[in-house]
Protein backbone atom coordinates (compact mmCIF):
# COMPACT_ATOMS: atom_id res chain seq x y z
CA UNK A 1 166.61 23.58 32.92
CA UNK A 2 166.23 22.85 29.21
CA UNK A 3 163.08 23.36 27.21
CA UNK A 4 160.98 25.97 25.49
CA UNK A 5 160.42 29.27 27.24
CA UNK A 6 159.38 32.67 25.92
CA UNK A 7 161.73 35.64 26.10
CA UNK A 8 159.90 38.95 26.31
CA UNK A 9 161.92 42.02 25.41
CA UNK A 10 160.48 45.32 26.66
CA UNK A 11 162.03 48.45 25.19
CA UNK A 12 160.92 51.79 26.60
CA UNK A 13 159.33 54.26 24.22
CA UNK A 14 160.74 57.81 24.13
CA UNK A 15 157.60 59.01 25.94
CA UNK A 16 157.81 56.27 28.62
CA UNK A 17 155.25 56.77 31.38
CA UNK A 18 156.67 56.04 34.87
CA UNK A 19 153.12 55.37 36.06
CA UNK A 20 153.33 52.01 34.26
CA UNK A 21 156.16 50.70 36.46
CA UNK A 22 154.19 49.58 39.54
CA UNK A 23 151.32 48.01 37.56
CA UNK A 24 153.93 46.17 35.48
CA UNK A 25 155.62 44.88 38.65
CA UNK A 26 152.24 43.75 39.99
CA UNK A 27 151.61 41.97 36.67
CA UNK A 28 154.95 40.16 36.98
CA UNK A 29 154.22 39.22 40.60
CA UNK A 30 150.92 37.67 39.48
CA UNK A 31 152.70 35.69 36.76
CA UNK A 32 155.22 34.46 39.30
CA UNK A 33 152.43 33.37 41.65
CA UNK A 34 150.91 31.40 38.73
CA UNK A 35 154.25 29.67 38.06
CA UNK A 36 154.62 31.34 34.66
CA UNK A 37 157.55 33.69 35.32
CA UNK A 38 161.06 32.26 35.36
CA UNK A 39 163.23 35.38 35.36
CA UNK A 40 162.87 39.15 35.06
CA UNK A 41 165.02 42.25 35.21
CA UNK A 42 165.80 45.67 33.83
CA UNK A 43 168.70 46.65 31.62
CA UNK A 44 171.51 48.58 33.32
CA UNK A 45 171.25 51.42 30.81
CA UNK A 46 167.57 52.06 31.62
CA UNK A 47 166.42 51.34 28.07
CA UNK A 48 164.04 48.58 29.11
CA UNK A 49 164.16 45.04 30.37
CA UNK A 50 163.18 41.46 29.75
CA UNK A 51 161.34 38.58 31.31
CA UNK A 52 161.09 34.88 30.64
CA UNK A 53 157.73 33.11 30.59
CA UNK A 54 157.63 29.40 31.37
CA UNK A 55 154.86 26.79 31.66
CA UNK A 56 153.12 28.42 28.70
CA UNK A 57 151.70 26.14 26.01
CA UNK A 58 152.48 28.12 22.86
CA UNK A 59 153.86 31.29 21.36
CA UNK A 60 150.30 32.45 20.83
CA UNK A 61 149.50 31.99 24.52
CA UNK A 62 152.68 33.86 25.48
CA UNK A 63 151.71 36.71 23.15
CA UNK A 64 148.21 36.83 24.67
CA UNK A 65 149.71 37.09 28.17
CA UNK A 66 152.11 39.84 27.10
CA UNK A 67 149.26 41.78 25.47
CA UNK A 68 147.84 42.30 28.98
CA UNK A 69 151.10 43.68 30.44
CA UNK A 70 150.55 47.28 31.64
CA UNK A 71 153.65 48.29 29.67
CA UNK A 72 151.59 47.41 26.59
CA UNK A 73 148.16 48.55 27.71
CA UNK A 74 149.55 51.89 28.91
CA UNK A 75 151.64 52.21 25.72
CA UNK A 76 154.84 52.76 27.72
CA UNK A 77 157.06 50.20 25.98
CA UNK A 78 157.30 48.07 22.87
CA UNK A 79 157.27 44.38 23.77
CA UNK A 80 158.31 41.49 21.56
CA UNK A 81 157.96 37.79 22.37
CA UNK A 82 160.48 35.20 21.20
CA UNK A 83 160.14 31.43 21.47
CA UNK A 84 163.41 30.42 23.06
CA UNK A 85 164.76 26.87 23.04
CA UNK A 86 167.17 26.70 25.97
CA UNK A 87 169.70 24.04 26.85
């Protein structure tokens, strides 16, 4: 599936709060139900994870969605959003 998607990298902060995990999973489930989540997973070393947003109109919209992720709102991880042109 080629096109523009948005890669979200989530790197845990040193003071990561485990209480953010379930709300983050619920957030991802909601995105999936809306058809906006293509792929998600954690890194094997436990340092964080990533997810891919799809069916999002712009980088700005992707950033606005990510700003509501409990990993951000609970200050558990640092998230960055990258516009990703796949082929």
